[in-house]
């Protein structure tokens, strides 16, 4: 069983390490100061754990960031902290409310002036795209691997297996792309319609819209006079007023409605990447060992995908990897068994 003092010490040291990485990437002085101070607090907390451990005779080792922490740090440096908020939240990083790159109704910090409203809406995305890409790879991997195993259970001709796998890969990729396009297109049209209605309401009765905005600010703790003045300033500029009402009343970010083409292409490519892995041994002709190589490649890939997904859940990469491997193995095994039974019945 893991020593609780060592576990607590490591958790705080990991947090302190990541806080410093975030601070080094943050261009705004106030945010840089915030994360530096949070890092200092994490160091102090680690010191308390170390002190308690010494009382039991335990000596803490030299701190070295884990592989998971190094990967998260790399993502921070590459994407920036705003775009991987959910990953950071899973690694006990606090203070993320200063980033509002994507919000739900009532979830973002209350602005106190026009400049802050503009600043708080900067940023274009979060880790949702990364998460979607990982799941797309996983879908392609599992779908095509199960198809290959099912056909392999019924037939031994590698050309048939390859042809069936390629057909399944293309069908799945185009199906995913089409589904994502239609879904995103419909969602975007709905959002655009809501924004259009909000624009018409703002043009017809701006005072009532300002009053609604004032009530929202008051519900978040602002004094009535202050809320009224801020709402009036927002509505005075039609474009800023529409932008603010869209965010506050509808819970939408006009800059993040999503592109149907981007969603479709991303889904297509991620499915293709995952689906190609089980087909590689048949494409490059591994002879009688092709099925075994496919199983090994798929297993390693499933474990890797599960480990990557653990970045979003905060669980151990080993747990995430093994869980994904076991789920994929069960699906593949059942598909192979069904293929074998069908093959026998047709023989």
C-alpha atoms as a PDB file:
ATOM      1  CA  UNK A   1       0.000   0.000   0.000  1.00  0.00           C
ATOM      2  CA  UNK A   2       1.353   3.424  -0.931  1.00  0.00           C
ATOM      3  CA  UNK A   3       2.532   5.574   1.966  1.00  0.00           C
ATOM      4  CA  UNK A   4      -0.014   8.431   2.443  1.00  0.00           C
ATOM      5  CA  UNK A   5       2.751  10.908   3.342  1.00  0.00           C
ATOM      6  CA  UNK A   6       4.679  10.112   0.173  1.00  0.00           C
ATOM      7  CA  UNK A   7       1.484  10.249  -1.915  1.00  0.00           C
ATOM      8  CA  UNK A   8       0.511  13.649  -0.482  1.00  0.00           C
ATOM      9  CA  UNK A   9       4.034  15.006  -0.915  1.00  0.00           C
ATOM     10  CA  UNK A  10       4.214  13.826  -4.524  1.00  0.00           C
ATOM     11  CA  UNK A  11       0.813  15.309  -5.363  1.00  0.00           C
ATOM     12  CA  UNK A  12       1.820  18.739  -4.046  1.00  0.00           C
ATOM     13  CA  UNK A  13       5.221  18.599  -5.762  1.00  0.00           C
ATOM     14  CA  UNK A  14       3.545  17.675  -9.058  1.00  0.00           C
ATOM     15  CA  UNK A  15       1.159  20.609  -8.661  1.00  0.00           C
ATOM     16  CA  UNK A  16       3.997  23.001  -7.822  1.00  0.00           C
ATOM     17  CA  UNK A  17       5.929  21.873 -10.894  1.00  0.00           C
ATOM     18  CA  UNK A  18       2.936  22.430 -13.181  1.00  0.00           C
ATOM     19  CA  UNK A  19       2.091  25.797 -11.593  1.00  0.00           C
ATOM     20  CA  UNK A  20       5.559  27.033 -12.487  1.00  0.00           C
ATOM     21  CA  UNK A  21       5.187  25.772 -16.058  1.00  0.00           C
ATOM     22  CA  UNK A  22       1.838  27.586 -16.371  1.00  0.00           C
ATOM     23  CA  UNK A  23       3.330  30.763 -14.907  1.00  0.00           C
ATOM     24  CA  UNK A  24       6.187  30.632 -17.420  1.00  0.00           C
ATOM     25  CA  UNK A  25       3.679  30.412 -20.291  1.00  0.00           C
ATOM     26  CA  UNK A  26       1.343  33.116 -18.999  1.00  0.00           C
ATOM     27  CA  UNK A  27       1.892  36.521 -20.680  1.00  0.00           C
ATOM     28  CA  UNK A  28      -0.390  38.444 -18.301  1.00  0.00           C
ATOM     29  CA  UNK A  29       1.442  39.613 -15.189  1.00  0.00           C
ATOM     30  CA  UNK A  30      -1.524  39.158 -12.818  1.00  0.00           C
ATOM     31  CA  UNK A  31      -2.089  35.561 -13.918  1.00  0.00           C
ATOM     32  CA  UNK A  32       1.619  34.832 -13.833  1.00  0.00           C
ATOM     33  CA  UNK A  33       1.703  36.103 -10.269  1.00  0.00           C
ATOM     34  CA  UNK A  34      -1.351  34.018  -9.342  1.00  0.00           C
ATOM     35  CA  UNK A  35       0.121  30.725 -10.556  1.00  0.00           C
ATOM     36  CA  UNK A  36       3.543  31.507  -9.097  1.00  0.00           C
ATOM     37  CA  UNK A  37       1.924  32.072  -5.715  1.00  0.00           C
ATOM     38  CA  UNK A  38      -0.145  28.905  -6.044  1.00  0.00           C
ATOM     39  CA  UNK A  39       3.085  27.080  -6.827  1.00  0.00           C
ATOM     40  CA  UNK A  40       4.677  28.494  -3.684  1.00  0.00           C
ATOM     41  CA  UNK A  41       1.669  27.352  -1.655  1.00  0.00           C
ATOM     42  CA  UNK A  42       1.958  23.858  -3.118  1.00  0.00           C
ATOM     43  CA  UNK A  43       5.635  23.781  -2.123  1.00  0.00           C
ATOM     44  CA  UNK A  44       4.647  24.754   1.418  1.00  0.00           C
ATOM     45  CA  UNK A  45       2.034  22.004   1.512  1.00  0.00           C
ATOM     46  CA  UNK A  46       4.639  19.528   0.297  1.00  0.00           C
ATOM     47  CA  UNK A  47       6.879  20.702   3.129  1.00  0.00           C
ATOM     48  CA  UNK A  48       4.149  19.925   5.646  1.00  0.00           C
ATOM     49  CA  UNK A  49       3.793  16.405   4.252  1.00  0.00           C
ATOM     50  CA  UNK A  50       7.560  15.974   4.415  1.00  0.00           C
ATOM     51  CA  UNK A  51       7.623  17.159   8.022  1.00  0.00           C
ATOM     52  CA  UNK A  52       4.923  14.667   8.985  1.00  0.00           C
ATOM     53  CA  UNK A  53       6.811  11.914   7.179  1.00  0.00           C
ATOM     54  CA  UNK A  54      10.013  12.684   9.082  1.00  0.00           C
ATOM     55  CA  UNK A  55       8.155  12.128  12.353  1.00  0.00           C
ATOM     56  CA  UNK A  56       7.579   8.535  11.236  1.00  0.00           C
ATOM     57  CA  UNK A  57      11.188   8.110  10.145  1.00  0.00           C
ATOM     58  CA  UNK A  58      10.473   8.352   6.427  1.00  0.00           C
ATOM     59  CA  UNK A  59      12.912  10.290   4.246  1.00  0.00           C
ATOM     60  CA  UNK A  60      11.482  11.800   1.080  1.00  0.00           C
ATOM     61  CA  UNK A  61      13.338  11.062  -2.172  1.00  0.00           C
ATOM     62  CA  UNK A  62      14.633  13.654  -4.617  1.00  0.00           C
ATOM     63  CA  UNK A  63      11.652  14.932  -6.563  1.00  0.00           C
ATOM     64  CA  UNK A  64      11.388  13.949 -10.204  1.00  0.00           C
ATOM     65  CA  UNK A  65       8.275  14.710 -12.296  1.00  0.00           C
ATOM     66  CA  UNK A  66       6.416  11.588 -13.351  1.00  0.00           C
ATOM     67  CA  UNK A  67       5.891  10.704 -17.002  1.00  0.00           C
ATOM     68  CA  UNK A  68       2.282  11.856 -16.722  1.00  0.00           C
ATOM     69  CA  UNK A  69       3.290  15.228 -15.281  1.00  0.00           C
ATOM     70  CA  UNK A  70       5.926  15.685 -17.989  1.00  0.00           C
ATOM     71  CA  UNK A  71       3.312  14.985 -20.665  1.00  0.00           C
ATOM     72  CA  UNK A  72       0.927  17.531 -19.121  1.00  0.00           C
ATOM     73  CA  UNK A  73       3.772  20.071 -18.932  1.00  0.00           C
ATOM     74  CA  UNK A  74       4.509  19.445 -22.608  1.00  0.00           C
ATOM     75  CA  UNK A  75       0.846  20.018 -23.463  1.00  0.00           C
ATOM     76  CA  UNK A  76       0.894  23.289 -21.514  1.00  0.00           C
ATOM     77  CA  UNK A  77       3.936  24.497 -23.446  1.00  0.00           C
ATOM     78  CA  UNK A  78       2.485  23.399 -26.780  1.00  0.00           C
ATOM     79  CA  UNK A  79      -1.217  24.300 -26.459  1.00  0.00           C
ATOM     80  CA  UNK A  80      -1.219  26.755 -23.566  1.00  0.00           C
ATOM     81  CA  UNK A  81      -3.076  26.217 -20.256  1.00  0.00           C
ATOM     82  CA  UNK A  82      -6.437  27.535 -21.506  1.00  0.00           C
ATOM     83  CA  UNK A  83      -6.844  24.799 -24.099  1.00  0.00           C
ATOM     84  CA  UNK A  84      -6.198  21.909 -21.709  1.00  0.00           C
ATOM     85  CA  UNK A  85      -8.239  23.115 -18.742  1.00  0.00           C
ATOM     86  CA  UNK A  86      -9.944  19.765 -18.118  1.00  0.00           C
ATOM     87  CA  UNK A  87      -6.587  17.980 -18.053  1.00  0.00           C
ATOM     88  CA  UNK A  88      -5.190  20.518 -15.587  1.00  0.00           C
ATOM     89  CA  UNK A  89      -8.285  20.230 -13.394  1.00  0.00           C
ATOM     90  CA  UNK A  90      -7.680  16.468 -13.225  1.00  0.00           C
ATOM     91  CA  UNK A  91      -4.137  17.101 -11.951  1.00  0.00           C
ATOM     92  CA  UNK A  92      -5.217  19.237  -8.963  1.00  0.00           C
ATOM     93  CA  UNK A  93      -4.436  22.568 -10.600  1.00  0.00           C
ATOM     94  CA  UNK A  94      -6.495  25.424  -9.176  1.00  0.00           C
ATOM     95  CA  UNK A  95      -7.113  28.985 -10.289  1.00  0.00           C
ATOM     96  CA  UNK A  96      -8.376  27.892 -13.709  1.00  0.00           C
ATOM     97  CA  UNK A  97     -11.420  30.163 -13.452  1.00  0.00           C
ATOM     98  CA  UNK A  98      -9.200  32.974 -14.788  1.00  0.00           C
ATOM     99  CA  UNK A  99      -9.506  31.218 -18.151  1.00  0.00           C
ATOM    100  CA  UNK A 100     -12.945  31.448 -19.670  1.00  0.00           C
ATOM    101  CA  UNK A 101     -12.288  30.096 -23.137  1.00  0.00           C
ATOM    102  CA  UNK A 102     -15.471  28.043 -22.874  1.00  0.00           C
ATOM    103  CA  UNK A 103     -18.295  28.594 -20.432  1.00  0.00           C
ATOM    104  CA  UNK A 104     -21.683  27.326 -19.559  1.00  0.00           C
ATOM    105  CA  UNK A 105     -24.462  29.615 -18.334  1.00  0.00           C
ATOM    106  CA  UNK A 106     -23.615  31.180 -15.014  1.00  0.00           C
ATOM    107  CA  UNK A 107     -20.180  29.620 -14.767  1.00  0.00           C
ATOM    108  CA  UNK A 108     -17.759  32.398 -15.658  1.00  0.00           C
ATOM    109  CA  UNK A 109     -16.347  35.189 -13.512  1.00  0.00           C
ATOM    110  CA  UNK A 110     -18.332  38.391 -13.155  1.00  0.00           C
ATOM    111  CA  UNK A 111     -16.858  41.277 -15.201  1.00  0.00           C
ATOM    112  CA  UNK A 112     -16.425  44.626 -13.547  1.00  0.00           C
ATOM    113  CA  UNK A 113     -15.742  46.756 -16.628  1.00  0.00           C
ATOM    114  CA  UNK A 114     -15.867  46.684 -20.417  1.00  0.00           C
ATOM    115  CA  UNK A 115     -12.166  45.925 -20.769  1.00  0.00           C
ATOM    116  CA  UNK A 116     -12.445  42.903 -18.524  1.00  0.00           C
ATOM    117  CA  UNK A 117     -15.364  41.555 -20.538  1.00  0.00           C
ATOM    118  CA  UNK A 118     -13.266  41.664 -23.687  1.00  0.00           C
ATOM    119  CA  UNK A 119     -10.249  40.116 -22.018  1.00  0.00           C
ATOM    120  CA  UNK A 120     -12.237  37.325 -20.399  1.00  0.00           C
ATOM    121  CA  UNK A 121     -13.455  36.076 -23.765  1.00  0.00           C
ATOM    122  CA  UNK A 122     -10.063  35.632 -25.323  1.00  0.00           C
ATOM    123  CA  UNK A 123      -9.067  32.112 -26.326  1.00  0.00           C
ATOM    124  CA  UNK A 124     -10.509  29.868 -28.942  1.00  0.00           C
ATOM    125  CA  UNK A 125     -10.860  26.418 -27.515  1.00  0.00           C
ATOM    126  CA  UNK A 126     -10.092  24.009 -24.757  1.00  0.00           C
ATOM    127  CA  UNK A 127      -9.128  20.386 -24.522  1.00  0.00           C
ATOM    128  CA  UNK A 128     -12.377  19.191 -26.113  1.00  0.00           C
ATOM    129  CA  UNK A 129     -10.729  18.971 -29.528  1.00  0.00           C
ATOM    130  CA  UNK A 130      -7.904  16.891 -28.146  1.00  0.00           C
ATOM    131  CA  UNK A 131     -10.337  14.644 -26.315  1.00  0.00           C
ATOM    132  CA  UNK A 132     -12.464  14.234 -29.483  1.00  0.00           C
ATOM    133  CA  UNK A 133      -9.374  13.337 -31.517  1.00  0.00           C
ATOM    134  CA  UNK A 134      -8.344  10.662 -29.010  1.00  0.00           C
ATOM    135  CA  UNK A 135     -11.843   9.164 -28.974  1.00  0.00           C
ATOM    136  CA  UNK A 136     -11.910   9.251 -32.789  1.00  0.00           C
ATOM    137  CA  UNK A 137      -8.681   7.257 -32.930  1.00  0.00           C
ATOM    138  CA  UNK A 138     -10.098   4.812 -30.413  1.00  0.00           C
ATOM    139  CA  UNK A 139     -13.310   4.378 -32.438  1.00  0.00           C
ATOM    140  CA  UNK A 140     -11.378   3.601 -35.590  1.00  0.00           C
ATOM    141  CA  UNK A 141      -9.007   1.273 -33.771  1.00  0.00           C
ATOM    142  CA  UNK A 142     -11.708  -0.807 -32.070  1.00  0.00           C
ATOM    143  CA  UNK A 143     -14.128  -0.839 -35.038  1.00  0.00           C
ATOM    144  CA  UNK A 144     -11.631  -1.985 -37.663  1.00  0.00           C
ATOM    145  CA  UNK A 145      -9.818  -4.360 -35.289  1.00  0.00           C
ATOM    146  CA  UNK A 146     -13.113  -6.089 -34.460  1.00  0.00           C
ATOM    147  CA  UNK A 147     -13.966  -6.264 -38.164  1.00  0.00           C
ATOM    148  CA  UNK A 148     -10.584  -7.806 -38.995  1.00  0.00           C
ATOM    149  CA  UNK A 149     -10.871 -10.313 -36.140  1.00  0.00           C
ATOM    150  CA  UNK A 150     -14.423 -11.221 -37.102  1.00  0.00           C
ATOM    151  CA  UNK A 151     -13.475 -11.901 -40.714  1.00  0.00           C
ATOM    152  CA  UNK A 152     -10.289 -13.710 -39.649  1.00  0.00           C
ATOM    153  CA  UNK A 153     -12.412 -15.998 -37.503  1.00  0.00           C
ATOM    154  CA  UNK A 154     -14.493 -16.952 -40.527  1.00  0.00           C
ATOM    155  CA  UNK A 155     -11.832 -16.968 -43.267  1.00  0.00           C
ATOM    156  CA  UNK A 156      -8.071 -17.316 -43.570  1.00  0.00           C
ATOM    157  CA  UNK A 157      -7.576 -15.599 -46.937  1.00  0.00           C
ATOM    158  CA  UNK A 158      -5.542 -12.482 -46.152  1.00  0.00           C
ATOM    159  CA  UNK A 159      -6.716 -10.696 -49.288  1.00  0.00           C
ATOM    160  CA  UNK A 160     -10.319 -11.062 -48.153  1.00  0.00           C
ATOM    161  CA  UNK A 161      -9.417  -9.845 -44.673  1.00  0.00           C
ATOM    162  CA  UNK A 162      -7.536  -6.833 -46.071  1.00  0.00           C
ATOM    163  CA  UNK A 163     -10.275  -5.959 -48.565  1.00  0.00           C
ATOM    164  CA  UNK A 164     -12.954  -6.202 -45.886  1.00  0.00           C
ATOM    165  CA  UNK A 165     -10.857  -4.164 -43.452  1.00  0.00           C
ATOM    166  CA  UNK A 166     -10.187  -1.390 -45.973  1.00  0.00           C
ATOM    167  CA  UNK A 167     -13.878  -1.273 -46.911  1.00  0.00           C
ATOM    168  CA  UNK A 168     -14.833  -1.071 -43.247  1.00  0.00           C
ATOM    169  CA  UNK A 169     -12.201   1.601 -42.626  1.00  0.00           C
ATOM    170  CA  UNK A 170     -13.445   3.834 -45.438  1.00  0.00           C
ATOM    171  CA  UNK A 171     -17.100   3.258 -44.602  1.00  0.00           C
ATOM    172  CA  UNK A 172     -16.533   4.033 -40.943  1.00  0.00           C
ATOM    173  CA  UNK A 173     -14.446   7.135 -41.630  1.00  0.00           C
ATOM    174  CA  UNK A 174     -16.955   8.606 -44.093  1.00  0.00           C
ATOM    175  CA  UNK A 175     -19.837   7.703 -41.793  1.00  0.00           C
ATOM    176  CA  UNK A 176     -18.147   9.457 -38.860  1.00  0.00           C
ATOM    177  CA  UNK A 177     -17.373  12.499 -40.997  1.00  0.00           C
ATOM    178  CA  UNK A 178     -20.912  12.738 -42.348  1.00  0.00           C
ATOM    179  CA  UNK A 179     -22.422  12.326 -38.903  1.00  0.00           C
ATOM    180  CA  UNK A 180     -20.182  14.987 -37.394  1.00  0.00           C
ATOM    181  CA  UNK A 181     -20.885  17.397 -40.250  1.00  0.00           C
ATOM    182  CA  UNK A 182     -24.665  17.043 -39.963  1.00  0.00           C
ATOM    183  CA  UNK A 183     -24.556  17.260 -36.174  1.00  0.00           C
ATOM    184  CA  UNK A 184     -22.302  20.326 -36.108  1.00  0.00           C
ATOM    185  CA  UNK A 185     -24.183  21.999 -38.971  1.00  0.00           C
ATOM    186  CA  UNK A 186     -27.517  21.551 -37.183  1.00  0.00           C
ATOM    187  CA  UNK A 187     -26.084  22.775 -33.896  1.00  0.00           C
ATOM    188  CA  UNK A 188     -24.509  25.805 -35.519  1.00  0.00           C
ATOM    189  CA  UNK A 189     -27.720  26.716 -37.343  1.00  0.00           C
ATOM    190  CA  UNK A 190     -29.645  26.500 -34.072  1.00  0.00           C
ATOM    191  CA  UNK A 191     -27.112  28.722 -32.306  1.00  0.00           C
ATOM    192  CA  UNK A 192     -27.065  31.222 -35.172  1.00  0.00           C
ATOM    193  CA  UNK A 193     -30.862  31.387 -35.064  1.00  0.00           C
ATOM    194  CA  UNK A 194     -30.790  32.093 -31.325  1.00  0.00           C
ATOM    195  CA  UNK A 195     -28.199  34.841 -31.819  1.00  0.00           C
ATOM    196  CA  UNK A 196     -30.294  36.323 -34.641  1.00  0.00           C
ATOM    197  CA  UNK A 197     -33.333  36.451 -32.345  1.00  0.00           C
ATOM    198  CA  UNK A 198     -31.208  38.088 -29.659  1.00  0.00           C
ATOM    199  CA  UNK A 199     -30.046  40.707 -32.173  1.00  0.00           C
ATOM    200  CA  UNK A 200     -33.663  41.506 -33.114  1.00  0.00           C
ATOM    201  CA  UNK A 201     -34.708  41.803 -29.479  1.00  0.00           C
ATOM    202  CA  UNK A 202     -31.779  44.109 -28.741  1.00  0.00           C
ATOM    203  CA  UNK A 203     -32.761  46.359 -31.671  1.00  0.00           C
ATOM    204  CA  UNK A 204     -36.444  46.453 -30.709  1.00  0.00           C
ATOM    205  CA  UNK A 205     -36.237  46.974 -26.950  1.00  0.00           C
ATOM    206  CA  UNK A 206     -32.680  47.662 -25.711  1.00  0.00           C
ATOM    207  CA  UNK A 207     -33.846  48.946 -22.322  1.00  0.00           C
ATOM    208  CA  UNK A 208     -35.539  45.656 -21.459  1.00  0.00           C
ATOM    209  CA  UNK A 209     -32.431  43.738 -22.559  1.00  0.00           C
ATOM    210  CA  UNK A 210     -30.268  45.989 -20.400  1.00  0.00           C
ATOM    211  CA  UNK A 211     -32.578  45.297 -17.468  1.00  0.00           C
ATOM    212  CA  UNK A 212     -32.266  41.538 -17.994  1.00  0.00           C
ATOM    213  CA  UNK A 213     -28.494  41.875 -18.113  1.00  0.00           C
ATOM    214  CA  UNK A 214     -28.576  43.927 -14.925  1.00  0.00           C
ATOM    215  CA  UNK A 215     -30.558  41.169 -13.179  1.00  0.00           C
ATOM    216  CA  UNK A 216     -27.975  38.592 -14.242  1.00  0.00           C
ATOM    217  CA  UNK A 217     -25.157  40.683 -12.802  1.00  0.00           C
ATOM    218  CA  UNK A 218     -27.104  41.231  -9.580  1.00  0.00           C
ATOM    219  CA  UNK A 219     -27.700  37.485  -9.272  1.00  0.00           C
ATOM    220  CA  UNK A 220     -23.930  37.077  -9.302  1.00  0.00           C
ATOM    221  CA  UNK A 221     -23.450  39.430  -6.386  1.00  0.00           C
ATOM    222  CA  UNK A 222     -23.065  42.879  -7.930  1.00  0.00           C
ATOM    223  CA  UNK A 223     -24.826  45.826  -6.304  1.00  0.00           C
ATOM    224  CA  UNK A 224     -27.913  47.113  -8.128  1.00  0.00           C
ATOM    225  CA  UNK A 225     -26.515  50.502  -9.131  1.00  0.00           C
ATOM    226  CA  UNK A 226     -23.223  49.032 -10.244  1.00  0.00           C
ATOM    227  CA  UNK A 227     -24.974  46.284 -12.208  1.00  0.00           C
ATOM    228  CA  UNK A 228     -27.292  48.803 -13.855  1.00  0.00           C
ATOM    229  CA  UNK A 229     -24.386  51.042 -14.894  1.00  0.00           C
ATOM    230  CA  UNK A 230     -22.358  48.145 -16.306  1.00  0.00           C
ATOM    231  CA  UNK A 231     -25.347  46.736 -18.213  1.00  0.00           C
ATOM    232  CA  UNK A 232     -26.057  50.166 -19.707  1.00  0.00           C
ATOM    233  CA  UNK A 233     -22.446  50.470 -20.870  1.00  0.00           C
ATOM    234  CA  UNK A 234     -22.604  47.056 -22.495  1.00  0.00           C
ATOM    235  CA  UNK A 235     -25.866  47.719 -24.340  1.00  0.00           C
ATOM    236  CA  UNK A 236     -24.734  51.191 -25.484  1.00  0.00           C
ATOM    237  CA  UNK A 237     -22.487  49.511 -28.083  1.00  0.00           C
ATOM    238  CA  UNK A 238     -24.770  47.282 -30.235  1.00  0.00           C
ATOM    239  CA  UNK A 239     -22.054  44.771 -31.153  1.00  0.00           C
ATOM    240  CA  UNK A 240     -20.660  44.542 -27.632  1.00  0.00           C
ATOM    241  CA  UNK A 241     -24.202  44.362 -26.315  1.00  0.00           C
ATOM    242  CA  UNK A 242     -25.082  41.463 -28.615  1.00  0.00           C
ATOM    243  CA  UNK A 243     -21.844  39.690 -27.745  1.00  0.00           C
ATOM    244  CA  UNK A 244     -22.482  40.097 -24.020  1.00  0.00           C
ATOM    245  CA  UNK A 245     -26.139  39.036 -24.200  1.00  0.00           C
ATOM    246  CA  UNK A 246     -25.218  36.005 -26.279  1.00  0.00           C
ATOM    247  CA  UNK A 247     -22.758  34.904 -23.634  1.00  0.00           C
ATOM    248  CA  UNK A 248     -24.780  35.857 -20.573  1.00  0.00           C
ATOM    249  CA  UNK A 249     -28.341  34.910 -21.594  1.00  0.00           C
ATOM    250  CA  UNK A 250     -27.714  32.097 -24.061  1.00  0.00           C
ATOM    251  CA  UNK A 251     -24.496  30.750 -22.579  1.00  0.00           C
ATOM    252  CA  UNK A 252     -22.876  30.794 -26.030  1.00  0.00           C
ATOM    253  CA  UNK A 253     -19.547  32.088 -27.232  1.00  0.00           C
ATOM    254  CA  UNK A 254     -20.061  33.475 -30.764  1.00  0.00           C
ATOM    255  CA  UNK A 255     -16.434  32.645 -31.553  1.00  0.00           C
ATOM    256  CA  UNK A 256     -16.886  28.984 -30.589  1.00  0.00           C
ATOM    257  CA  UNK A 257     -19.940  27.850 -32.529  1.00  0.00           C
ATOM    258  CA  UNK A 258     -17.830  25.233 -34.243  1.00  0.00           C
ATOM    259  CA  UNK A 259     -17.072  24.529 -37.876  1.00  0.00           C
ATOM    260  CA  UNK A 260     -18.942  21.602 -39.506  1.00  0.00           C
ATOM    261  CA  UNK A 261     -16.081  21.070 -41.972  1.00  0.00           C
ATOM    262  CA  UNK A 262     -13.435  21.066 -39.253  1.00  0.00           C
ATOM    263  CA  UNK A 263     -15.484  18.577 -37.226  1.00  0.00           C
ATOM    264  CA  UNK A 264     -16.003  16.335 -40.251  1.00  0.00           C
ATOM    265  CA  UNK A 265     -12.373  16.385 -41.371  1.00  0.00           C
ATOM    266  CA  UNK A 266     -11.096  15.843 -37.813  1.00  0.00           C
ATOM    267  CA  UNK A 267     -13.407  12.864 -37.324  1.00  0.00           C
ATOM    268  CA  UNK A 268     -12.427  11.399 -40.694  1.00  0.00           C
ATOM    269  CA  UNK A 269      -8.688  11.717 -40.070  1.00  0.00           C
ATOM    270  CA  UNK A 270      -8.744  10.491 -36.465  1.00  0.00           C
ATOM    271  CA  UNK A 271     -10.853   7.450 -37.414  1.00  0.00           C
ATOM    272  CA  UNK A 272      -8.492   6.716 -40.312  1.00  0.00           C
ATOM    273  CA  UNK A 273      -5.432   6.921 -38.053  1.00  0.00           C
ATOM    274  CA  UNK A 274      -6.907   4.485 -35.546  1.00  0.00           C
ATOM    275  CA  UNK A 275      -8.395   2.172 -38.159  1.00  0.00           C
ATOM    276  CA  UNK A 276      -5.175   1.819 -40.136  1.00  0.00           C
ATOM    277  CA  UNK A 277      -3.304   0.272 -37.197  1.00  0.00           C
ATOM    278  CA  UNK A 278      -5.008  -3.186 -37.317  1.00  0.00           C
ATOM    279  CA  UNK A 279      -4.575  -3.271 -41.110  1.00  0.00           C
ATOM    280  CA  UNK A 280      -0.840  -2.542 -41.199  1.00  0.00           C
ATOM    281  CA  UNK A 281       0.285  -6.207 -40.916  1.00  0.00           C
ATOM    282  CA  UNK A 282      -1.956  -7.154 -43.866  1.00  0.00           C
ATOM    283  CA  UNK A 283      -0.926  -4.129 -45.923  1.00  0.00           C
ATOM    284  CA  UNK A 284       2.765  -4.938 -45.508  1.00  0.00           C
ATOM    285  CA  UNK A 285       2.263  -8.699 -45.849  1.00  0.00           C
ATOM    286  CA  UNK A 286       3.275 -10.429 -42.617  1.00  0.00           C
ATOM    287  CA  UNK A 287       2.134 -13.795 -43.934  1.00  0.00           C
ATOM    288  CA  UNK A 288       0.765 -16.344 -41.463  1.00  0.00           C
ATOM    289  CA  UNK A 289       1.717 -14.076 -38.534  1.00  0.00           C
ATOM    290  CA  UNK A 290      -0.384 -11.149 -39.761  1.00  0.00           C
ATOM    291  CA  UNK A 291      -3.249 -11.842 -37.350  1.00  0.00           C
ATOM    292  CA  UNK A 292      -0.901 -12.182 -34.378  1.00  0.00           C
ATOM    293  CA  UNK A 293       0.884  -8.938 -35.275  1.00  0.00           C
ATOM    294  CA  UNK A 294      -2.503  -7.215 -35.633  1.00  0.00           C
ATOM    295  CA  UNK A 295      -3.523  -8.391 -32.166  1.00  0.00           C
ATOM    296  CA  UNK A 296      -0.244  -7.169 -30.639  1.00  0.00           C
ATOM    297  CA  UNK A 297      -0.368  -3.801 -32.421  1.00  0.00           C
ATOM    298  CA  UNK A 298      -4.007  -3.276 -31.499  1.00  0.00           C
ATOM    299  CA  UNK A 299      -3.377  -4.240 -27.891  1.00  0.00           C
ATOM    300  CA  UNK A 300      -0.449  -1.835 -27.574  1.00  0.00           C
ATOM    301  CA  UNK A 301      -2.471   0.932 -29.227  1.00  0.00           C
ATOM    302  CA  UNK A 302      -5.489   0.355 -26.982  1.00  0.00           C
ATOM    303  CA  UNK A 303      -3.287   0.557 -23.916  1.00  0.00           C
ATOM    304  CA  UNK A 304      -1.745   3.800 -25.209  1.00  0.00           C
ATOM    305  CA  UNK A 305      -5.142   5.353 -25.918  1.00  0.00           C
ATOM    306  CA  UNK A 306      -6.369   4.409 -22.449  1.00  0.00           C
ATOM    307  CA  UNK A 307      -3.255   5.915 -20.895  1.00  0.00           C
ATOM    308  CA  UNK A 308      -3.761   9.165 -22.841  1.00  0.00           C
ATOM    309  CA  UNK A 309      -7.422   9.337 -21.801  1.00  0.00           C
ATOM    310  CA  UNK A 310      -6.324   9.082 -18.168  1.00  0.00           C
ATOM    311  CA  UNK A 311      -4.977  12.621 -18.573  1.00  0.00           C
ATOM    312  CA  UNK A 312      -8.602  13.795 -18.576  1.00  0.00           C
ATOM    313  CA  UNK A 313      -9.731  11.662 -15.638  1.00  0.00           C
ATOM    314  CA  UNK A 314      -6.788  12.019 -13.276  1.00  0.00           C
ATOM    315  CA  UNK A 315      -6.524   8.239 -12.884  1.00  0.00           C
ATOM    316  CA  UNK A 316      -3.331   6.233 -13.202  1.00  0.00           C
ATOM    317  CA  UNK A 317      -2.169   5.712 -16.811  1.00  0.00           C
ATOM    318  CA  UNK A 318      -1.713   2.024 -15.989  1.00  0.00           C
ATOM    319  CA  UNK A 319      -5.331   1.755 -14.839  1.00  0.00           C
ATOM    320  CA  UNK A 320      -6.636   3.631 -17.884  1.00  0.00           C
ATOM    321  CA  UNK A 321      -4.477   1.622 -20.263  1.00  0.00           C
ATOM    322  CA  UNK A 322      -5.378  -1.773 -18.803  1.00  0.00           C
ATOM    323  CA  UNK A 323      -9.083  -0.924 -18.697  1.00  0.00           C
ATOM    324  CA  UNK A 324      -9.082   0.058 -22.371  1.00  0.00           C
ATOM    325  CA  UNK A 325      -7.040  -3.024 -23.269  1.00  0.00           C
ATOM    326  CA  UNK A 326      -9.442  -5.366 -21.473  1.00  0.00           C
ATOM    327  CA  UNK A 327     -12.512  -3.742 -23.041  1.00  0.00           C
ATOM    328  CA  UNK A 328     -10.970  -3.966 -26.518  1.00  0.00           C
ATOM    329  CA  UNK A 329      -9.847  -7.549 -25.905  1.00  0.00           C
ATOM    330  CA  UNK A 330     -13.364  -8.550 -24.871  1.00  0.00           C
ATOM    331  CA  UNK A 331     -14.909  -6.908 -27.940  1.00  0.00           C
ATOM    332  CA  UNK A 332     -12.318  -8.413 -30.287  1.00  0.00           C
ATOM    333  CA  UNK A 333     -12.545 -11.851 -28.718  1.00  0.00           C
ATOM    334  CA  UNK A 334     -16.328 -11.995 -29.011  1.00  0.00           C
ATOM    335  CA  UNK A 335     -16.193 -10.763 -32.615  1.00  0.00           C
ATOM    336  CA  UNK A 336     -13.609 -13.423 -33.514  1.00  0.00           C
ATOM    337  CA  UNK A 337     -15.718 -16.118 -31.846  1.00  0.00           C
ATOM    338  CA  UNK A 338     -18.843 -15.026 -33.714  1.00  0.00           C
ATOM    339  CA  UNK A 339     -16.885 -14.964 -36.983  1.00  0.00           C
ATOM    340  CA  UNK A 340     -15.566 -18.465 -36.327  1.00  0.00           C
ATOM    341  CA  UNK A 341     -19.061 -19.797 -35.596  1.00  0.00           C
ATOM    342  CA  UNK A 342     -20.468 -18.196 -38.718  1.00  0.00           C
ATOM    343  CA  UNK A 343     -17.578 -19.539 -40.764  1.00  0.00           C
ATOM    344  CA  UNK A 344     -18.215 -23.078 -39.516  1.00  0.00           C
ATOM    345  CA  UNK A 345     -21.957 -22.842 -40.225  1.00  0.00           C
ATOM    346  CA  UNK A 346     -21.318 -21.641 -43.778  1.00  0.00           C
ATOM    347  CA  UNK A 347     -18.650 -24.226 -44.531  1.00  0.00           C
END
